[in-house]
């Protein structure tokens, strides 16, 4: 694949990804909060109970889970799409610039018998 074609595909990937992220960000609505559930999870009593049942790992796992679930809603999703776009573009360029990187040389594997 020529260098010019790789650059064209890279620009197309970036335009599609960042364009999608922009559309998601502009159309994202604020997520409705559920006060009883949000209040329950943020009280010191509940955090202390979670810690006594599962230790600090339980509290950290809960916070990590909430953070990860938050990446897939609203304007956070736009940031996630933008980061995934950059990652996918970098992987494409890495593979496209050296396509022989992942192939094995069959000539080296087939040595003549002696």
PDB file of N, CA and C in Angstrom:
ATOM      1  N   UNK A   1       0.847  -1.164   0.000  1.00  0.00           N
ATOM      2  CA  UNK A   1       0.000   0.000   0.000  1.00  0.00           C
ATOM      3  C   UNK A   1       0.903   1.240   0.000  1.00  0.00           C
ATOM      4  N   UNK A   2       0.559   2.200  -0.818  1.00  0.00           N
ATOM      5  CA  UNK A   2       1.397   3.389  -0.940  1.00  0.00           C
ATOM      6  C   UNK A   2       1.215   4.306   0.275  1.00  0.00           C
ATOM      7  N   UNK A   3       2.208   5.127   0.494  1.00  0.00           N
ATOM      8  CA  UNK A   3       2.194   6.063   1.618  1.00  0.00           C
ATOM      9  C   UNK A   3       1.023   7.046   1.484  1.00  0.00           C
ATOM     10  N   UNK A   4       0.737   7.448   0.254  1.00  0.00           N
ATOM     11  CA  UNK A   4      -0.371   8.390   0.020  1.00  0.00           C
ATOM     12  C   UNK A   4      -1.716   7.757   0.388  1.00  0.00           C
ATOM     13  N   UNK A   5      -1.903   6.501   0.025  1.00  0.00           N
ATOM     14  CA  UNK A   5      -3.157   5.800   0.334  1.00  0.00           C
ATOM     15  C   UNK A   5      -3.305   5.612   1.852  1.00  0.00           C
ATOM     16  N   UNK A   6      -2.210   5.298   2.537  1.00  0.00           N
ATOM     17  CA  UNK A   6      -2.249   5.150   3.998  1.00  0.00           C
ATOM     18  C   UNK A   6      -2.657   6.476   4.643  1.00  0.00           C
ATOM     19  N   UNK A   7      -2.100   7.591   4.146  1.00  0.00           N
ATOM     20  CA  UNK A   7      -2.447   8.901   4.689  1.00  0.00           C
ATOM     21  C   UNK A   7      -3.911   9.242   4.439  1.00  0.00           C
ATOM     22  N   UNK A   8      -4.433   8.888   3.266  1.00  0.00           N
ATOM     23  CA  UNK A   8      -5.840   9.149   2.962  1.00  0.00           C
ATOM     24  C   UNK A   8      -6.760   8.360   3.892  1.00  0.00           C
ATOM     25  N   UNK A   9      -6.442   7.106   4.115  1.00  0.00           N
ATOM     26  CA  UNK A   9      -7.260   6.283   5.008  1.00  0.00           C
ATOM     27  C   UNK A   9      -7.166   6.789   6.441  1.00  0.00           C
ATOM     28  N   UNK A  10      -5.983   7.241   6.850  1.00  0.00           N
ATOM     29  CA  UNK A  10      -5.802   7.784   8.193  1.00  0.00           C
ATOM     30  C   UNK A  10      -6.670   9.015   8.392  1.00  0.00           C
ATOM     31  N   UNK A  11      -6.660   9.921   7.431  1.00  0.00           N
ATOM     32  CA  UNK A  11      -7.482  11.130   7.527  1.00  0.00           C
ATOM     33  C   UNK A  11      -8.952  10.760   7.562  1.00  0.00           C
ATOM     34  N   UNK A  12      -9.367   9.802   6.756  1.00  0.00           N
ATOM     35  CA  UNK A  12     -10.763   9.366   6.742  1.00  0.00           C
ATOM     36  C   UNK A  12     -11.171   8.783   8.100  1.00  0.00           C
ATOM     37  N   UNK A  13     -10.312   7.940   8.674  1.00  0.00           N
ATOM     38  CA  UNK A  13     -10.611   7.367   9.994  1.00  0.00           C
ATOM     39  C   UNK A  13     -10.739   8.452  11.055  1.00  0.00           C
ATOM     40  N   UNK A  14      -9.811   9.402  11.033  1.00  0.00           N
ATOM     41  CA  UNK A  14      -9.858  10.477  12.024  1.00  0.00           C
ATOM     42  C   UNK A  14     -11.095  11.363  11.845  1.00  0.00           C
ATOM     43  N   UNK A  15     -11.442  11.676  10.596  1.00  0.00           N
ATOM     44  CA  UNK A  15     -12.634  12.493  10.356  1.00  0.00           C
ATOM     45  C   UNK A  15     -13.900  11.780  10.807  1.00  0.00           C
ATOM     46  N   UNK A  16     -14.014  10.499  10.484  1.00  0.00           N
ATOM     47  CA  UNK A  16     -15.203   9.744  10.899  1.00  0.00           C
ATOM     48  C   UNK A  16     -15.290   9.624  12.423  1.00  0.00           C
ATOM     49  N   UNK A  17     -14.191   9.306  13.047  1.00  0.00           N
ATOM     50  CA  UNK A  17     -14.192   9.126  14.493  1.00  0.00           C
ATOM     51  C   UNK A  17     -14.461  10.409  15.248  1.00  0.00           C
ATOM     52  N   UNK A  18     -13.713  11.466  14.912  1.00  0.00           N
ATOM     53  CA  UNK A  18     -13.905  12.731  15.617  1.00  0.00           C
ATOM     54  C   UNK A  18     -15.240  13.372  15.255  1.00  0.00           C
ATOM     55  N   UNK A  19     -15.702  13.163  14.022  1.00  0.00           N
ATOM     56  CA  UNK A  19     -17.033  13.652  13.641  1.00  0.00           C
ATOM     57  C   UNK A  19     -18.119  12.960  14.449  1.00  0.00           C
ATOM     58  N   UNK A  20     -17.975  11.660  14.623  1.00  0.00           N
ATOM     59  CA  UNK A  20     -18.943  10.920  15.440  1.00  0.00           C
ATOM     60  C   UNK A  20     -18.907  11.385  16.891  1.00  0.00           C
ATOM     61  N   UNK A  21     -17.708  11.609  17.405  1.00  0.00           N
ATOM     62  CA  UNK A  21     -17.578  12.086  18.783  1.00  0.00           C
ATOM     63  C   UNK A  21     -18.224  13.459  18.943  1.00  0.00           C
ATOM     64  N   UNK A  22     -18.059  14.323  17.953  1.00  0.00           N
ATOM     65  CA  UNK A  22     -18.664  15.646  18.013  1.00  0.00           C
ATOM     66  C   UNK A  22     -20.187  15.563  17.983  1.00  0.00           C
ATOM     67  N   UNK A  23     -20.727  14.727  17.104  1.00  0.00           N
ATOM     68  CA  UNK A  23     -22.184  14.553  17.033  1.00  0.00           C
ATOM     69  C   UNK A  23     -22.721  13.992  18.351  1.00  0.00           C
ATOM     70  N   UNK A  24     -22.027  13.028  18.911  1.00  0.00           N
ATOM     71  CA  UNK A  24     -22.449  12.446  20.193  1.00  0.00           C
ATOM     72  C   UNK A  24     -22.427  13.511  21.284  1.00  0.00           C
ATOM     73  N   UNK A  25     -21.379  14.325  21.305  1.00  0.00           N
ATOM     74  CA  UNK A  25     -21.258  15.352  22.333  1.00  0.00           C
ATOM     75  C   UNK A  25     -22.347  16.410  22.195  1.00  0.00           C
ATOM     76  N   UNK A  26     -22.663  16.807  20.959  1.00  0.00           N
ATOM     77  CA  UNK A  26     -23.673  17.842  20.749  1.00  0.00           C
ATOM     78  C   UNK A  26     -25.087  17.342  21.033  1.00  0.00           C
ATOM     79  N   UNK A  27     -25.333  16.065  20.834  1.00  0.00           N
ATOM     80  CA  UNK A  27     -26.684  15.531  21.035  1.00  0.00           C
ATOM     81  C   UNK A  27     -26.866  14.847  22.384  1.00  0.00           C
ATOM     82  N   UNK A  28     -25.808  14.782  23.181  1.00  0.00           N
ATOM     83  CA  UNK A  28     -25.890  14.091  24.475  1.00  0.00           C
ATOM     84  C   UNK A  28     -26.752  14.895  25.436  1.00  0.00           C
ATOM     85  N   UNK A  29     -27.606  14.185  26.108  1.00  0.00           N
ATOM     86  CA  UNK A  29     -28.442  14.808  27.125  1.00  0.00           C
ATOM     87  C   UNK A  29     -27.919  14.387  28.490  1.00  0.00           C
ATOM     88  N   UNK A  30     -28.161  15.235  29.458  1.00  0.00           N
ATOM     89  CA  UNK A  30     -27.740  14.912  30.818  1.00  0.00           C
ATOM     90  C   UNK A  30     -28.519  13.695  31.292  1.00  0.00           C
ATOM     91  N   UNK A  31     -27.817  12.773  31.928  1.00  0.00           N
ATOM     92  CA  UNK A  31     -28.492  11.575  32.412  1.00  0.00           C
ATOM     93  C   UNK A  31     -29.307  11.925  33.653  1.00  0.00           C
ATOM     94  N   UNK A  32     -30.526  11.423  33.712  1.00  0.00           N
ATOM     95  CA  UNK A  32     -31.347  11.711  34.888  1.00  0.00           C
ATOM     96  C   UNK A  32     -30.770  11.003  36.115  1.00  0.00           C
ATOM     97  N   UNK A  33     -30.688  11.728  37.187  1.00  0.00           N
ATOM     98  CA  UNK A  33     -30.161  11.157  38.413  1.00  0.00           C
ATOM     99  C   UNK A  33     -31.275  10.482  39.187  1.00  0.00           C
ATOM    100  N   UNK A  34     -30.937   9.394  39.800  1.00  0.00           N
ATOM    101  CA  UNK A  34     -31.873   8.694  40.666  1.00  0.00           C
ATOM    102  C   UNK A  34     -31.467   9.013  42.097  1.00  0.00           C
ATOM    103  N   UNK A  35     -32.050  10.054  42.693  1.00  0.00           N
ATOM    104  CA  UNK A  35     -31.577  10.521  44.003  1.00  0.00           C
ATOM    105  C   UNK A  35     -31.509   9.451  45.084  1.00  0.00           C
ATOM    106  N   UNK A  36     -32.504   8.581  45.243  1.00  0.00           N
ATOM    107  CA  UNK A  36     -32.362   7.600  46.317  1.00  0.00           C
ATOM    108  C   UNK A  36     -31.166   6.667  46.125  1.00  0.00           C
ATOM    109  N   UNK A  37     -30.941   6.226  44.894  1.00  0.00           N
ATOM    110  CA  UNK A  37     -29.823   5.312  44.641  1.00  0.00           C
ATOM    111  C   UNK A  37     -28.499   6.047  44.765  1.00  0.00           C
ATOM    112  N   UNK A  38     -28.398   7.248  44.157  1.00  0.00           N
ATOM    113  CA  UNK A  38     -27.160   8.016  44.236  1.00  0.00           C
ATOM    114  C   UNK A  38     -26.851   8.404  45.675  1.00  0.00           C
ATOM    115  N   UNK A  39     -27.870   8.769  46.411  1.00  0.00           N
ATOM    116  CA  UNK A  39     -27.669   9.151  47.804  1.00  0.00           C
ATOM    117  C   UNK A  39     -27.232   7.951  48.638  1.00  0.00           C
ATOM    118  N   UNK A  40     -27.823   6.802  48.358  1.00  0.00           N
ATOM    119  CA  UNK A  40     -27.485   5.591  49.098  1.00  0.00           C
ATOM    120  C   UNK A  40     -26.027   5.198  48.876  1.00  0.00           C
ATOM    121  N   UNK A  41     -25.543   5.328  47.631  1.00  0.00           N
ATOM    122  CA  UNK A  41     -24.189   4.905  47.330  1.00  0.00           C
ATOM    123  C   UNK A  41     -23.134   5.894  47.822  1.00  0.00           C
ATOM    124  N   UNK A  42     -23.537   7.117  48.119  1.00  0.00           N
ATOM    125  CA  UNK A  42     -22.537   8.109  48.507  1.00  0.00           C
ATOM    126  C   UNK A  42     -22.521   8.389  50.012  1.00  0.00           C
ATOM    127  N   UNK A  43     -23.331   7.714  50.773  1.00  0.00           N
ATOM    128  CA  UNK A  43     -23.335   7.974  52.213  1.00  0.00           C
ATOM    129  C   UNK A  43     -22.155   7.278  52.877  1.00  0.00           C
ATOM    130  N   UNK A  44     -21.699   7.876  53.951  1.00  0.00           N
ATOM    131  CA  UNK A  44     -20.577   7.284  54.681  1.00  0.00           C
ATOM    132  C   UNK A  44     -20.966   5.954  55.302  1.00  0.00           C
ATOM    133  N   UNK A  45     -22.223   5.839  55.714  1.00  0.00           N
ATOM    134  CA  UNK A  45     -22.687   4.589  56.322  1.00  0.00           C
ATOM    135  C   UNK A  45     -22.595   3.445  55.310  1.00  0.00           C
ATOM    136  N   UNK A  46     -23.056   3.698  54.102  1.00  0.00           N
ATOM    137  CA  UNK A  46     -23.027   2.656  53.081  1.00  0.00           C
ATOM    138  C   UNK A  46     -21.590   2.295  52.717  1.00  0.00           C
ATOM    139  N   UNK A  47     -20.728   3.297  52.570  1.00  0.00           N
ATOM    140  CA  UNK A  47     -19.333   3.009  52.261  1.00  0.00           C
ATOM    141  C   UNK A  47     -18.669   2.203  53.380  1.00  0.00           C
ATOM    142  N   UNK A  48     -18.996   2.528  54.629  1.00  0.00           N
ATOM    143  CA  UNK A  48     -18.440   1.788  55.761  1.00  0.00           C
ATOM    144  C   UNK A  48     -18.933   0.341  55.748  1.00  0.00           C
ATOM    145  N   UNK A  49     -20.222   0.132  55.405  1.00  0.00           N
ATOM    146  CA  UNK A  49     -20.755  -1.230  55.322  1.00  0.00           C
ATOM    147  C   UNK A  49     -20.096  -2.011  54.191  1.00  0.00           C
ATOM    148  N   UNK A  50     -19.914  -1.343  53.041  1.00  0.00           N
ATOM    149  CA  UNK A  50     -19.246  -2.011  51.922  1.00  0.00           C
ATOM    150  C   UNK A  50     -17.824  -2.395  52.306  1.00  0.00           C
ATOM    151  N   UNK A  51     -17.162  -1.519  53.034  1.00  0.00           N
ATOM    152  CA  UNK A  51     -15.790  -1.789  53.445  1.00  0.00           C
ATOM    153  C   UNK A  51     -15.735  -2.907  54.472  1.00  0.00           C
ATOM    154  N   UNK A  52     -16.707  -2.960  55.373  1.00  0.00           N
ATOM    155  CA  UNK A  52     -16.683  -4.019  56.392  1.00  0.00           C
ATOM    156  C   UNK A  52     -17.016  -5.379  55.789  1.00  0.00           C
ATOM    157  N   UNK A  53     -17.830  -5.398  54.753  1.00  0.00           N
ATOM    158  CA  UNK A  53     -18.202  -6.669  54.119  1.00  0.00           C
ATOM    159  C   UNK A  53     -17.093  -7.172  53.194  1.00  0.00           C
ATOM    160  N   UNK A  54     -16.569  -6.271  52.345  1.00  0.00           N
ATOM    161  CA  UNK A  54     -15.603  -6.724  51.339  1.00  0.00           C
ATOM    162  C   UNK A  54     -14.242  -6.083  51.432  1.00  0.00           C
ATOM    163  N   UNK A  55     -14.043  -5.211  52.396  1.00  0.00           N
ATOM    164  CA  UNK A  55     -12.748  -4.553  52.526  1.00  0.00           C
ATOM    165  C   UNK A  55     -12.613  -3.384  51.564  1.00  0.00           C
ATOM    166  N   UNK A  56     -11.420  -2.823  51.543  1.00  0.00           N
ATOM    167  CA  UNK A  56     -11.160  -1.679  50.667  1.00  0.00           C
ATOM    168  C   UNK A  56     -11.279  -2.063  49.197  1.00  0.00           C
ATOM    169  N   UNK A  57     -10.988  -3.304  48.881  1.00  0.00           N
ATOM    170  CA  UNK A  57     -11.091  -3.764  47.492  1.00  0.00           C
ATOM    171  C   UNK A  57     -12.533  -3.670  46.998  1.00  0.00           C
ATOM    172  N   UNK A  58     -13.485  -3.900  47.870  1.00  0.00           N
ATOM    173  CA  UNK A  58     -14.892  -3.798  47.503  1.00  0.00           C
ATOM    174  C   UNK A  58     -15.252  -2.361  47.148  1.00  0.00           C
ATOM    175  N   UNK A  59     -14.784  -1.413  47.930  1.00  0.00           N
ATOM    176  CA  UNK A  59     -15.069  -0.007  47.671  1.00  0.00           C
ATOM    177  C   UNK A  59     -14.393   0.436  46.379  1.00  0.00           C
ATOM    178  N   UNK A  60     -13.148   0.055  46.176  1.00  0.00           N
ATOM    179  CA  UNK A  60     -12.425   0.424  44.962  1.00  0.00           C
ATOM    180  C   UNK A  60     -13.071  -0.223  43.736  1.00  0.00           C
ATOM    181  N   UNK A  61     -13.479  -1.467  43.854  1.00  0.00           N
ATOM    182  CA  UNK A  61     -14.142  -2.151  42.737  1.00  0.00           C
ATOM    183  C   UNK A  61     -15.458  -1.465  42.387  1.00  0.00           C
ATOM    184  N   UNK A  62     -16.193  -1.035  43.388  1.00  0.00           N
ATOM    185  CA  UNK A  62     -17.450  -0.328  43.133  1.00  0.00           C
ATOM    186  C   UNK A  62     -17.184   0.995  42.415  1.00  0.00           C
ATOM    187  N   UNK A  63     -16.188   1.756  42.871  1.00  0.00           N
ATOM    188  CA  UNK A  63     -15.865   3.031  42.228  1.00  0.00           C
ATOM    189  C   UNK A  63     -15.375   2.822  40.802  1.00  0.00           C
ATOM    190  N   UNK A  64     -14.573   1.792  40.585  1.00  0.00           N
ATOM    191  CA  UNK A  64     -14.090   1.480  39.247  1.00  0.00           C
ATOM    192  C   UNK A  64     -15.242   1.083  38.327  1.00  0.00           C
ATOM    193  N   UNK A  65     -16.160   0.304  38.832  1.00  0.00           N
ATOM    194  CA  UNK A  65     -17.330  -0.109  38.041  1.00  0.00           C
ATOM    195  C   UNK A  65     -18.182   1.094  37.661  1.00  0.00           C
ATOM    196  N   UNK A  66     -18.418   1.995  38.594  1.00  0.00           N
ATOM    197  CA  UNK A  66     -19.214   3.187  38.313  1.00  0.00           C
ATOM    198  C   UNK A  66     -18.522   4.079  37.289  1.00  0.00           C
ATOM    199  N   UNK A  67     -17.196   4.206  37.411  1.00  0.00           N
ATOM    200  CA  UNK A  67     -16.452   5.010  36.445  1.00  0.00           C
ATOM    201  C   UNK A  67     -16.547   4.392  35.051  1.00  0.00           C
ATOM    202  N   UNK A  68     -16.358   3.077  34.950  1.00  0.00           N
ATOM    203  CA  UNK A  68     -16.392   2.407  33.652  1.00  0.00           C
ATOM    204  C   UNK A  68     -17.774   2.498  33.021  1.00  0.00           C
ATOM    205  N   UNK A  69     -18.819   2.331  33.807  1.00  0.00           N
ATOM    206  CA  UNK A  69     -20.172   2.441  33.266  1.00  0.00           C
ATOM    207  C   UNK A  69     -20.471   3.863  32.812  1.00  0.00           C
ATOM    208  N   UNK A  70     -19.863   4.838  33.470  1.00  0.00           N
ATOM    209  CA  UNK A  70     -20.070   6.228  33.085  1.00  0.00           C
ATOM    210  C   UNK A  70     -19.442   6.580  31.747  1.00  0.00           C
ATOM    211  N   UNK A  71     -18.481   5.800  31.286  1.00  0.00           N
ATOM    212  CA  UNK A  71     -17.828   6.079  30.011  1.00  0.00           C
ATOM    213  C   UNK A  71     -18.748   5.863  28.816  1.00  0.00           C
ATOM    214  N   UNK A  72     -19.834   5.166  28.994  1.00  0.00           N
ATOM    215  CA  UNK A  72     -20.682   4.772  27.874  1.00  0.00           C
ATOM    216  C   UNK A  72     -21.988   5.541  27.812  1.00  0.00           C
ATOM    217  N   UNK A  73     -22.058   6.701  28.462  1.00  0.00           N
ATOM    218  CA  UNK A  73     -23.280   7.504  28.471  1.00  0.00           C
ATOM    219  C   UNK A  73     -22.949   8.977  28.300  1.00  0.00           C
ATOM    220  N   UNK A  74     -23.802   9.682  27.584  1.00  0.00           N
ATOM    221  CA  UNK A  74     -23.714  11.131  27.479  1.00  0.00           C
ATOM    222  C   UNK A  74     -22.424  11.626  26.852  1.00  0.00           C
ATOM    223  N   UNK A  75     -21.950  12.755  27.364  1.00  0.00           N
ATOM    224  CA  UNK A  75     -20.772  13.379  26.776  1.00  0.00           C
ATOM    225  C   UNK A  75     -19.497  12.589  27.073  1.00  0.00           C
ATOM    226  N   UNK A  76     -19.509  11.746  28.111  1.00  0.00           N
ATOM    227  CA  UNK A  76     -18.354  10.879  28.366  1.00  0.00           C
ATOM    228  C   UNK A  76     -18.152   9.903  27.203  1.00  0.00           C
ATOM    229  N   UNK A  77     -19.248   9.512  26.570  1.00  0.00           N
ATOM    230  CA  UNK A  77     -19.158   8.611  25.417  1.00  0.00           C
ATOM    231  C   UNK A  77     -18.409   9.279  24.274  1.00  0.00           C
ATOM    232  N   UNK A  78     -18.574  10.585  24.107  1.00  0.00           N
ATOM    233  CA  UNK A  78     -17.854  11.302  23.049  1.00  0.00           C
ATOM    234  C   UNK A  78     -16.350  11.220  23.280  1.00  0.00           C
ATOM    235  N   UNK A  79     -15.920  11.375  24.506  1.00  0.00           N
ATOM    236  CA  UNK A  79     -14.495  11.244  24.816  1.00  0.00           C
ATOM    237  C   UNK A  79     -14.000   9.837  24.586  1.00  0.00           C
ATOM    238  N   UNK A  80     -14.820   8.856  24.941  1.00  0.00           N
ATOM    239  CA  UNK A  80     -14.450   7.459  24.724  1.00  0.00           C
ATOM    240  C   UNK A  80     -14.284   7.166  23.236  1.00  0.00           C
ATOM    241  N   UNK A  81     -15.213   7.663  22.421  1.00  0.00           N
ATOM    242  CA  UNK A  81     -15.128   7.459  20.972  1.00  0.00           C
ATOM    243  C   UNK A  81     -13.888   8.142  20.412  1.00  0.00           C
ATOM    244  N   UNK A  82     -13.548   9.322  20.896  1.00  0.00           N
ATOM    245  CA  UNK A  82     -12.364  10.032  20.414  1.00  0.00           C
ATOM    246  C   UNK A  82     -11.088   9.262  20.752  1.00  0.00           C
ATOM    247  N   UNK A  83     -10.998   8.744  21.962  1.00  0.00           N
ATOM    248  CA  UNK A  83      -9.803   7.973  22.360  1.00  0.00           C
ATOM    249  C   UNK A  83      -9.711   6.680  21.552  1.00  0.00           C
ATOM    250  N   UNK A  84     -10.836   5.999  21.356  1.00  0.00           N
ATOM    251  CA  UNK A  84     -10.833   4.777  20.556  1.00  0.00           C
ATOM    252  C   UNK A  84     -10.469   5.061  19.100  1.00  0.00           C
ATOM    253  N   UNK A  85     -10.865   6.221  18.589  1.00  0.00           N
ATOM    254  CA  UNK A  85     -10.506   6.619  17.225  1.00  0.00           C
ATOM    255  C   UNK A  85      -9.002   6.769  17.084  1.00  0.00           C
ATOM    256  N   UNK A  86      -8.386   7.456  18.039  1.00  0.00           N
ATOM    257  CA  UNK A  86      -6.935   7.635  17.987  1.00  0.00           C
ATOM    258  C   UNK A  86      -6.238   6.279  18.081  1.00  0.00           C
ATOM    259  N   UNK A  87      -6.702   5.408  18.973  1.00  0.00           N
ATOM    260  CA  UNK A  87      -6.108   4.084  19.117  1.00  0.00           C
ATOM    261  C   UNK A  87      -6.236   3.255  17.853  1.00  0.00           C
ATOM    262  N   UNK A  88      -7.415   3.245  17.258  1.00  0.00           N
ATOM    263  CA  UNK A  88      -7.627   2.464  16.038  1.00  0.00           C
ATOM    264  C   UNK A  88      -6.787   3.008  14.883  1.00  0.00           C
ATOM    265  N   UNK A  89      -6.655   4.319  14.804  1.00  0.00           N
ATOM    266  CA  UNK A  89      -5.851   4.923  13.738  1.00  0.00           C
ATOM    267  C   UNK A  89      -4.372   4.582  13.906  1.00  0.00           C
ATOM    268  N   UNK A  90      -3.892   4.623  15.132  1.00  0.00           N
ATOM    269  CA  UNK A  90      -2.491   4.263  15.375  1.00  0.00           C
ATOM    270  C   UNK A  90      -2.224   2.793  15.045  1.00  0.00           C
ATOM    271  N   UNK A  91      -3.147   1.918  15.405  1.00  0.00           N
ATOM    272  CA  UNK A  91      -2.991   0.497  15.077  1.00  0.00           C
ATOM    273  C   UNK A  91      -2.997   0.301  13.566  1.00  0.00           C
ATOM    274  N   UNK A  92      -3.909   0.989  12.874  1.00  0.00           N
ATOM    275  CA  UNK A  92      -3.958   0.878  11.414  1.00  0.00           C
ATOM    276  C   UNK A  92      -2.630   1.317  10.797  1.00  0.00           C
ATOM    277  N   UNK A  93      -2.115   2.462  11.218  1.00  0.00           N
ATOM    278  CA  UNK A  93      -0.862   2.966  10.646  1.00  0.00           C
ATOM    279  C   UNK A  93       0.306   2.035  10.964  1.00  0.00           C
ATOM    280  N   UNK A  94       0.315   1.465  12.153  1.00  0.00           N
ATOM    281  CA  UNK A  94       1.385   0.539  12.529  1.00  0.00           C
ATOM    282  C   UNK A  94       1.378  -0.687  11.629  1.00  0.00           C
ATOM    283  N   UNK A  95       0.192  -1.236  11.390  1.00  0.00           N
ATOM    284  CA  UNK A  95       0.090  -2.449  10.566  1.00  0.00           C
ATOM    285  C   UNK A  95       0.286  -2.124   9.087  1.00  0.00           C
ATOM    286  N   UNK A  96      -0.233  -0.986   8.630  1.00  0.00           N
ATOM    287  CA  UNK A  96      -0.178  -0.659   7.207  1.00  0.00           C
ATOM    288  C   UNK A  96       1.224  -0.273   6.750  1.00  0.00           C
ATOM    289  N   UNK A  97       2.007   0.329   7.628  1.00  0.00           N
ATOM    290  CA  UNK A  97       3.340   0.753   7.190  1.00  0.00           C
ATOM    291  C   UNK A  97       4.315  -0.410   7.077  1.00  0.00           C
ATOM    292  N   UNK A  98       4.082  -1.493   7.802  1.00  0.00           N
ATOM    293  CA  UNK A  98       4.959  -2.657   7.719  1.00  0.00           C
ATOM    294  C   UNK A  98       4.116  -3.930   7.668  1.00  0.00           C
ATOM    295  N   UNK A  99       3.512  -4.228   6.515  1.00  0.00           N
ATOM    296  CA  UNK A  99       2.626  -5.391   6.432  1.00  0.00           C
ATOM    297  C   UNK A  99       3.353  -6.726   6.592  1.00  0.00           C
ATOM    298  N   UNK A 100       4.662  -6.762   6.365  1.00  0.00           N
ATOM    299  CA  UNK A 100       5.417  -8.003   6.497  1.00  0.00           C
ATOM    300  C   UNK A 100       5.782  -8.310   7.940  1.00  0.00           C
ATOM    301  N   UNK A 101       5.400  -7.434   8.830  1.00  0.00           N
ATOM    302  CA  UNK A 101       5.741  -7.602  10.237  1.00  0.00           C
ATOM    303  C   UNK A 101       5.110  -8.860  10.832  1.00  0.00           C
ATOM    304  N   UNK A 102       3.909  -9.186  10.398  1.00  0.00           N
ATOM    305  CA  UNK A 102       3.176 -10.304  10.989  1.00  0.00           C
ATOM    306  C   UNK A 102       3.184 -11.559  10.126  1.00  0.00           C
ATOM    307  N   UNK A 103       3.962 -11.575   9.072  1.00  0.00           N
ATOM    308  CA  UNK A 103       4.041 -12.773   8.229  1.00  0.00           C
ATOM    309  C   UNK A 103       5.336 -13.502   8.528  1.00  0.00           C
ATOM    310  N   UNK A 104       5.294 -14.809   8.371  1.00  0.00           N
ATOM    311  CA  UNK A 104       6.498 -15.605   8.581  1.00  0.00           C
ATOM    312  C   UNK A 104       7.121 -15.904   7.236  1.00  0.00           C
ATOM    313  N   UNK A 105       8.403 -16.022   7.230  1.00  0.00           N
ATOM    314  CA  UNK A 105       9.119 -16.356   6.003  1.00  0.00           C
ATOM    315  C   UNK A 105       9.093 -17.861   5.822  1.00  0.00           C
ATOM    316  N   UNK A 106       8.374 -18.329   4.825  1.00  0.00           N
ATOM    317  CA  UNK A 106       8.297 -19.774   4.607  1.00  0.00           C
ATOM    318  C   UNK A 106       9.613 -20.314   4.020  1.00  0.00           C
ATOM    319  N   UNK A 107      10.403 -19.459   3.399  1.00  0.00           N
ATOM    320  CA  UNK A 107      11.664 -19.904   2.822  1.00  0.00           C
ATOM    321  C   UNK A 107      12.646 -20.277   3.926  1.00  0.00           C
ATOM    322  N   UNK A 108      12.609 -19.569   5.045  1.00  0.00           N
ATOM    323  CA  UNK A 108      13.505 -19.885   6.143  1.00  0.00           C
ATOM    324  C   UNK A 108      13.080 -21.164   6.853  1.00  0.00           C
ATOM    325  N   UNK A 109      11.788 -21.420   6.895  1.00  0.00           N
ATOM    326  CA  UNK A 109      11.265 -22.592   7.588  1.00  0.00           C
ATOM    327  C   UNK A 109      11.554 -23.891   6.816  1.00  0.00           C
ATOM    328  N   UNK A 110      11.615 -23.783   5.510  1.00  0.00           N
ATOM    329  CA  UNK A 110      11.806 -24.964   4.671  1.00  0.00           C
ATOM    330  C   UNK A 110      13.286 -25.079   4.270  1.00  0.00           C
ATOM    331  N   UNK A 111      14.110 -25.569   5.141  1.00  0.00           N
ATOM    332  CA  UNK A 111      15.516 -25.758   4.798  1.00  0.00           C
ATOM    333  C   UNK A 111      15.655 -27.120   4.093  1.00  0.00           C
ATOM    334  N   UNK A 112      16.542 -27.206   3.101  1.00  0.00           N
ATOM    335  CA  UNK A 112      16.706 -28.466   2.376  1.00  0.00           C
ATOM    336  C   UNK A 112      17.286 -29.529   3.287  1.00  0.00           C
ATOM    337  N   UNK A 113      16.839 -30.761   3.139  1.00  0.00           N
ATOM    338  CA  UNK A 113      17.359 -31.847   3.979  1.00  0.00           C
ATOM    339  C   UNK A 113      18.818 -32.133   3.618  1.00  0.00           C
ATOM    340  N   UNK A 114      19.580 -32.478   4.598  1.00  0.00           N
ATOM    341  CA  UNK A 114      20.992 -32.767   4.368  1.00  0.00           C
ATOM    342  C   UNK A 114      21.293 -34.235   4.521  1.00  0.00           C
TER     343      UNK A 114
END
